Amino acid sequence: DKDVGINAVVTYRLLGARVDLFTVDSNTGAVLVRQGAKLDREAFQDPRVELILVAEDVGGLNSSVPLTVSILDQNDNPPVFNPSSFSVRIPENSPAGVVVTQLSATDADAGSNGWLTYRLESGAQDRFVVDPLSGAVLVGNATLDREERASYRLVVMATDRGTPPLSGTATLTVLLDDVNDSRPRFLQPITIINVNESTPPGVVVATLTAEDPDLNPRLEYYIISVEAKDDGNSPVNGLQDSFGIDLHTGAVFVRKPINRELVATFEIIVSVHDNA
């Protein structure tokens, strides 16, 4: 103010919609954040506050200047997954590179404070990998075998590039659907029994049991061959129908009368099939 004396004394005041956030020292003109106010850039649609700084002398003469306060971002928001826990299903034996699911986290901060990278924190055991930029979870190079392990619980972490960086996690449960890829096997590959020659047709003389590690197997039993031999270990022909087997239970039964004076041993080869 070019006046002198008391007429040269200038005081300052602020005008604008957000004077609840800022104040001005009336004597010096220093603009300050108002005590108790909280500046949260993410709360503003436009992180710029428009104010008017007015300088006025005691005579009421004044001048004003527009003042724009830009609220700079601070890395105060961690990445967030929504949802933070979910599950997906994929077939066992899925080849390497198959996309399991696409993960995505958000970060309310701006610029590099909101740029995210992804990594698997735990649970993958080389079976899964995650693309660090896209967040896509892929099948790794190791084989996925449901009979070895039916599910995996992965912890995926998203980290921003702020200083210091902040992180958030999500839990992904991968459930393996069964594929009919396991052969059934007999619990006892070789079974030796003694049968009385007077055993009538229809009597069960042995039950063969097989197992299949796949889910819900439908096992069926078949007699492949019956070889009869006499006391001299010579083949006896025409007795292939001496025994039968229950298709579903594996129960071996006498089909025709047995003559010990004619036959000393029977060698029966049984096959089991999974028709699931």
Protein backbone atom coordinates (compact mmCIF):
# COMPACT_ATOMS: atom_id res chain seq x y z
CA ASP A 1 0.00 0.00 0.00
CA LYS A 2 1.58 3.30 -1.05
CA ASP A 3 -0.18 5.18 1.70
CA VAL A 4 1.68 6.00 4.85
CA GLY A 5 0.98 5.56 8.51
CA ILE A 6 -2.11 3.76 9.59
CA ASN A 7 -3.50 3.89 6.06
CA ALA A 8 -0.66 1.64 4.96
CA VAL A 9 -1.62 -1.15 7.34
CA VAL A 10 -2.89 -4.11 5.32
CA THR A 11 -4.90 -7.05 6.60
CA TYR A 12 -5.70 -10.27 4.77
CA ARG A 13 -8.71 -12.57 4.52
CA LEU A 14 -9.75 -15.60 2.48
CA LEU A 15 -12.89 -16.11 0.44
CA GLY A 16 -14.09 -19.30 -1.21
CA ALA A 17 -16.12 -22.46 -0.76
CA ARG A 18 -13.47 -24.32 1.27
CA VAL A 19 -12.42 -21.79 3.87
CA ASP A 20 -13.26 -24.59 6.31
CA LEU A 21 -9.96 -26.17 5.25
CA PHE A 22 -7.70 -23.11 4.95
CA THR A 23 -7.13 -19.89 6.81
CA VAL A 24 -4.86 -16.89 6.39
CA ASP A 25 -2.77 -14.98 8.88
CA SER A 26 -4.46 -11.59 8.80
CA ASN A 27 -1.20 -9.77 9.42
CA THR A 28 1.29 -11.63 7.26
CA GLY A 29 -0.91 -13.08 4.50
CA ALA A 30 0.46 -16.58 5.09
CA VAL A 31 -2.12 -19.14 3.98
CA LEU A 32 -2.33 -22.12 6.36
CA VAL A 33 -4.25 -25.36 6.71
CA ARG A 34 -6.93 -24.69 9.29
CA GLN A 35 -6.30 -26.39 12.61
CA GLY A 36 -8.18 -29.68 12.84
CA ALA A 37 -8.88 -29.84 9.10
CA LYS A 38 -7.99 -33.03 7.24
CA LEU A 39 -6.84 -32.86 3.64
CA ASP A 40 -7.71 -36.09 1.84
CA ARG A 41 -6.99 -35.91 -1.88
CA GLU A 42 -9.16 -38.96 -2.54
CA ALA A 43 -12.17 -37.12 -1.07
CA PHE A 44 -12.03 -34.48 -3.82
CA GLN A 45 -13.43 -35.03 -7.28
CA ASP A 46 -10.94 -32.39 -8.39
CA PRO A 47 -7.98 -32.16 -5.97
CA ARG A 48 -7.71 -28.40 -6.46
CA VAL A 49 -9.22 -25.82 -4.15
CA GLU A 50 -10.04 -22.37 -5.58
CA LEU A 51 -9.75 -19.49 -3.07
CA ILE A 52 -9.57 -15.71 -3.23
CA LEU A 53 -7.00 -13.89 -1.13
CA VAL A 54 -8.14 -10.37 -0.25
CA ALA A 55 -5.78 -7.61 0.98
CA GLU A 56 -7.51 -4.59 2.55
CA ASP A 57 -6.36 -1.42 4.27
CA VAL A 58 -8.09 0.37 7.11
CA GLY A 59 -9.81 2.68 4.72
CA GLY A 60 -11.61 -0.24 3.08
CA LEU A 61 -9.62 -0.17 -0.12
CA ASN A 62 -8.76 -3.71 -1.22
CA SER A 63 -7.30 -5.88 -3.88
CA SER A 64 -7.76 -9.59 -4.47
CA VAL A 65 -5.94 -12.38 -6.21
CA PRO A 66 -7.20 -15.87 -7.08
CA LEU A 67 -5.36 -18.64 -5.24
CA THR A 68 -5.40 -22.26 -6.40
CA VAL A 69 -4.28 -24.86 -3.87
CA SER A 70 -3.42 -28.22 -5.45
CA ILE A 71 -3.65 -31.12 -3.00
CA LEU A 72 -0.80 -33.48 -3.79
CA ASP A 73 -1.18 -37.22 -3.42
CA GLN A 74 0.36 -39.06 -0.50
CA ASN A 75 0.62 -42.85 -0.54
CA ASP A 76 -1.91 -43.42 2.23
CA ASN A 77 -4.21 -46.01 0.62
CA PRO A 78 -3.24 -49.68 0.30
CA PRO A 79 -4.34 -51.75 -2.69
CA VAL A 80 -7.71 -53.46 -2.19
CA PHE A 81 -9.05 -56.66 -3.77
CA ASN A 82 -12.81 -56.95 -4.13
CA PRO A 83 -13.69 -59.61 -3.22
CA SER A 84 -10.76 -60.42 -1.01
CA SER A 85 -11.52 -64.15 -0.92
CA PHE A 86 -12.96 -66.37 -3.64
CA SER A 87 -12.58 -69.76 -5.31
CA VAL A 88 -12.32 -71.14 -8.84
CA ARG A 89 -12.44 -74.65 -10.35
CA ILE A 90 -10.19 -76.03 -13.07
CA PRO A 91 -9.67 -79.56 -14.40
CA GLU A 92 -6.69 -81.47 -13.07
CA ASN A 93 -3.87 -81.94 -15.60
CA SER A 94 -4.53 -78.45 -17.01
CA PRO A 95 -1.43 -77.58 -19.07
CA ALA A 96 1.06 -74.87 -18.17
CA GLY A 97 -0.02 -71.39 -19.18
CA VAL A 98 -3.77 -71.94 -18.80
CA VAL A 99 -5.40 -68.90 -17.16
CA VAL A 100 -6.93 -69.88 -13.83
CA THR A 101 -8.52 -66.50 -13.13
CA GLN A 102 -7.91 -62.78 -13.51
CA LEU A 103 -7.23 -60.92 -10.27
CA SER A 104 -7.55 -57.16 -10.00
CA ALA A 105 -6.92 -54.78 -7.13
CA THR A 106 -7.63 -51.05 -6.95
CA ASP A 107 -5.69 -48.26 -5.28
CA ALA A 108 -7.32 -44.89 -4.56
CA ASP A 109 -3.99 -43.08 -4.76
CA ALA A 110 -2.78 -41.37 -7.93
CA GLY A 111 0.27 -41.70 -10.15
CA SER A 112 2.93 -44.17 -9.13
CA ASN A 113 1.25 -44.43 -5.73
CA GLY A 114 -1.57 -46.24 -7.50
CA TRP A 115 0.46 -48.37 -9.93
CA LEU A 116 0.26 -52.01 -8.87
CA THR A 117 2.34 -55.14 -9.27
CA TYR A 118 1.21 -58.63 -8.29
CA ARG A 119 2.96 -61.63 -6.80
CA LEU A 120 2.10 -64.93 -5.14
CA GLU A 121 2.83 -64.70 -1.45
CA SER A 122 2.20 -68.35 -0.51
CA GLY A 123 0.48 -71.60 -1.40
CA ALA A 124 1.50 -71.94 -5.05
CA GLN A 125 4.18 -74.64 -4.60
CA ASP A 126 5.34 -74.05 -8.20
CA ARG A 127 1.90 -75.16 -9.46
CA PHE A 128 0.80 -71.60 -10.20
CA VAL A 129 2.30 -68.28 -11.25
CA VAL A 130 0.90 -64.75 -11.47
CA ASP A 131 1.60 -62.14 -14.12
CA PRO A 132 3.16 -59.24 -12.18
CA LEU A 133 1.49 -56.55 -14.29
CA SER A 134 -1.93 -57.93 -15.19
CA GLY A 135 -2.66 -60.05 -12.10
CA ALA A 136 -3.61 -63.08 -14.22
CA VAL A 137 -3.07 -66.34 -12.33
CA LEU A 138 -1.74 -69.11 -14.59
CA VAL A 139 -0.99 -72.80 -14.26
CA GLY A 140 2.75 -73.27 -13.68
CA ASN A 141 5.05 -75.95 -15.03
CA ALA A 142 4.27 -78.58 -12.38
CA THR A 143 1.54 -81.17 -12.95
CA LEU A 144 -1.82 -80.66 -11.26
CA ASP A 145 -2.90 -84.08 -9.99
CA ARG A 146 -6.16 -84.18 -7.99
CA GLU A 147 -5.26 -87.61 -6.64
CA GLU A 148 -2.15 -86.03 -5.11
CA ARG A 149 -3.83 -82.85 -3.89
CA ALA A 150 -7.41 -81.70 -4.48
CA SER A 151 -7.12 -77.97 -3.74
CA TYR A 152 -4.68 -75.10 -3.28
CA ARG A 153 -5.05 -71.98 -1.16
CA LEU A 154 -3.09 -69.13 -2.73
CA VAL A 155 -2.34 -65.78 -1.13
CA VAL A 156 -1.87 -63.12 -3.81
CA MET A 157 -0.32 -59.76 -2.94
CA ALA A 158 -0.72 -56.46 -4.80
CA THR A 159 1.88 -53.77 -4.03
CA ASP A 160 1.87 -50.15 -5.15
CA ARG A 161 4.96 -48.14 -6.10
CA GLY A 162 4.67 -45.48 -3.47
CA THR A 163 7.31 -44.57 -0.89
CA PRO A 164 7.04 -46.54 1.25
CA PRO A 165 5.06 -49.08 -0.79
CA LEU A 166 1.74 -50.37 0.56
CA SER A 167 0.28 -53.83 -0.05
CA GLY A 168 -3.02 -55.70 0.05
CA THR A 169 -3.77 -59.42 -0.22
CA ALA A 170 -6.47 -61.73 -1.54
CA THR A 171 -7.04 -65.42 -0.89
CA LEU A 172 -7.71 -67.59 -3.93
CA THR A 173 -8.80 -71.22 -3.49
CA VAL A 174 -8.21 -73.36 -6.57
CA LEU A 175 -10.29 -76.55 -6.62
CA LEU A 176 -9.24 -79.32 -9.00
CA ASP A 177 -12.00 -81.15 -10.84
CA ASP A 178 -11.43 -84.83 -11.35
CA VAL A 179 -10.40 -86.23 -14.73
CA ASN A 180 -10.59 -89.99 -15.29
CA ASP A 181 -6.83 -90.39 -15.60
CA SER A 182 -6.00 -93.15 -13.10
CA ARG A 183 -6.06 -96.87 -13.83
CA PRO A 184 -7.87 -99.16 -11.38
CA ARG A 185 -5.72 -101.76 -9.65
CA PHE A 186 -6.41 -104.91 -7.68
CA LEU A 187 -5.66 -104.78 -3.98
CA GLN A 188 -4.30 -108.33 -4.28
CA PRO A 189 -3.00 -108.95 -7.81
CA ILE A 190 -2.57 -112.67 -7.08
CA THR A 191 -5.13 -114.66 -5.10
CA ILE A 192 -4.82 -118.37 -4.33
CA ILE A 193 -7.83 -120.30 -2.97
CA ASN A 194 -8.86 -123.90 -2.42
CA VAL A 195 -12.23 -125.05 -3.72
CA ASN A 196 -13.97 -128.33 -2.86
CA GLU A 197 -14.93 -130.31 -5.97
CA SER A 198 -18.40 -130.77 -4.53
CA THR A 199 -19.05 -127.00 -4.55
CA PRO A 200 -22.33 -126.50 -6.42
CA PRO A 201 -22.76 -123.97 -9.23
CA GLY A 202 -23.60 -120.45 -8.06
CA VAL A 203 -21.47 -120.54 -4.92
CA VAL A 204 -19.04 -117.61 -4.56
CA VAL A 205 -15.50 -118.87 -3.99
CA ALA A 206 -13.65 -115.53 -3.92
CA THR A 207 -14.27 -111.81 -4.20
CA LEU A 208 -11.69 -109.72 -6.02
CA THR A 209 -11.48 -106.06 -5.05
CA ALA A 210 -9.96 -103.23 -7.04
CA GLU A 211 -9.59 -99.54 -6.29
CA ASP A 212 -9.45 -96.40 -8.41
CA PRO A 213 -8.21 -93.08 -6.96
CA ASP A 214 -10.44 -91.09 -9.34
CA LEU A 215 -13.73 -89.73 -8.05
CA ASN A 216 -16.86 -91.87 -8.41
CA PRO A 217 -15.30 -94.74 -10.36
CA ARG A 218 -17.59 -97.34 -11.93
CA LEU A 219 -15.58 -100.53 -11.86
CA GLU A 220 -16.56 -103.57 -13.88
CA TYR A 221 -14.94 -107.01 -13.64
CA TYR A 222 -14.44 -109.46 -16.49
CA ILE A 223 -12.91 -112.92 -16.77
CA ILE A 224 -10.33 -112.81 -19.54
CA SER A 225 -9.37 -116.48 -19.51
CA VAL A 226 -9.75 -119.71 -17.54
CA GLU A 227 -6.97 -122.28 -17.90
CA ALA A 228 -7.50 -125.75 -16.41
CA LYS A 229 -4.59 -128.15 -15.73
CA ASP A 230 -4.39 -131.73 -14.50
CA ASP A 231 -2.03 -133.22 -11.92
CA GLY A 232 0.69 -133.38 -14.55
CA ASN A 233 0.31 -129.65 -15.21
CA SER A 234 -1.03 -130.38 -18.67
CA PRO A 235 -3.86 -128.23 -20.06
CA VAL A 236 -7.39 -129.58 -19.91
CA ASN A 237 -9.51 -128.14 -22.69
CA GLY A 238 -13.17 -127.23 -22.77
CA LEU A 239 -13.50 -125.89 -19.22
CA GLN A 240 -13.34 -122.14 -19.92
CA ASP A 241 -16.90 -121.71 -18.61
CA SER A 242 -16.25 -123.36 -15.24
CA PHE A 243 -16.28 -120.02 -13.39
CA GLY A 244 -18.08 -116.72 -13.73
CA ILE A 245 -17.70 -113.28 -12.14
CA ASP A 246 -20.19 -110.65 -11.02
CA LEU A 247 -19.72 -107.62 -13.26
CA HIS A 248 -20.09 -105.09 -10.45
CA THR A 249 -18.85 -106.79 -7.26
CA GLY A 250 -15.95 -108.90 -8.52
CA ALA A 251 -17.40 -112.02 -6.85
CA VAL A 252 -16.04 -115.17 -8.55
CA PHE A 253 -18.52 -118.08 -8.51
CA VAL A 254 -18.69 -121.64 -9.72
CA ARG A 255 -20.58 -121.85 -13.00
CA LYS A 256 -20.30 -125.61 -13.79
CA PRO A 257 -19.56 -128.64 -11.59
CA ILE A 258 -15.87 -129.27 -10.84
CA ASN A 259 -14.25 -132.70 -11.26
CA ARG A 260 -11.07 -133.10 -9.17
CA GLU A 261 -10.12 -136.32 -10.95
CA LEU A 262 -10.04 -134.36 -14.20
CA VAL A 263 -8.63 -131.00 -13.09
CA ALA A 264 -6.13 -130.13 -10.37
CA THR A 265 -5.91 -126.35 -10.78
CA PHE A 266 -7.66 -123.46 -12.48
CA GLU A 267 -5.81 -120.27 -13.40
CA ILE A 268 -8.30 -117.44 -13.87
CA ILE A 269 -7.22 -114.06 -15.27
CA VAL A 270 -9.58 -111.22 -14.35
CA SER A 271 -9.60 -107.70 -15.77
CA VAL A 272 -11.12 -104.61 -14.16
CA HIS A 273 -12.28 -101.57 -16.15
CA ASP A 274 -13.35 -98.10 -15.09
CA ASN A 275 -16.37 -97.05 -17.13
CA ALA A 276 -16.84 -93.67 -15.42
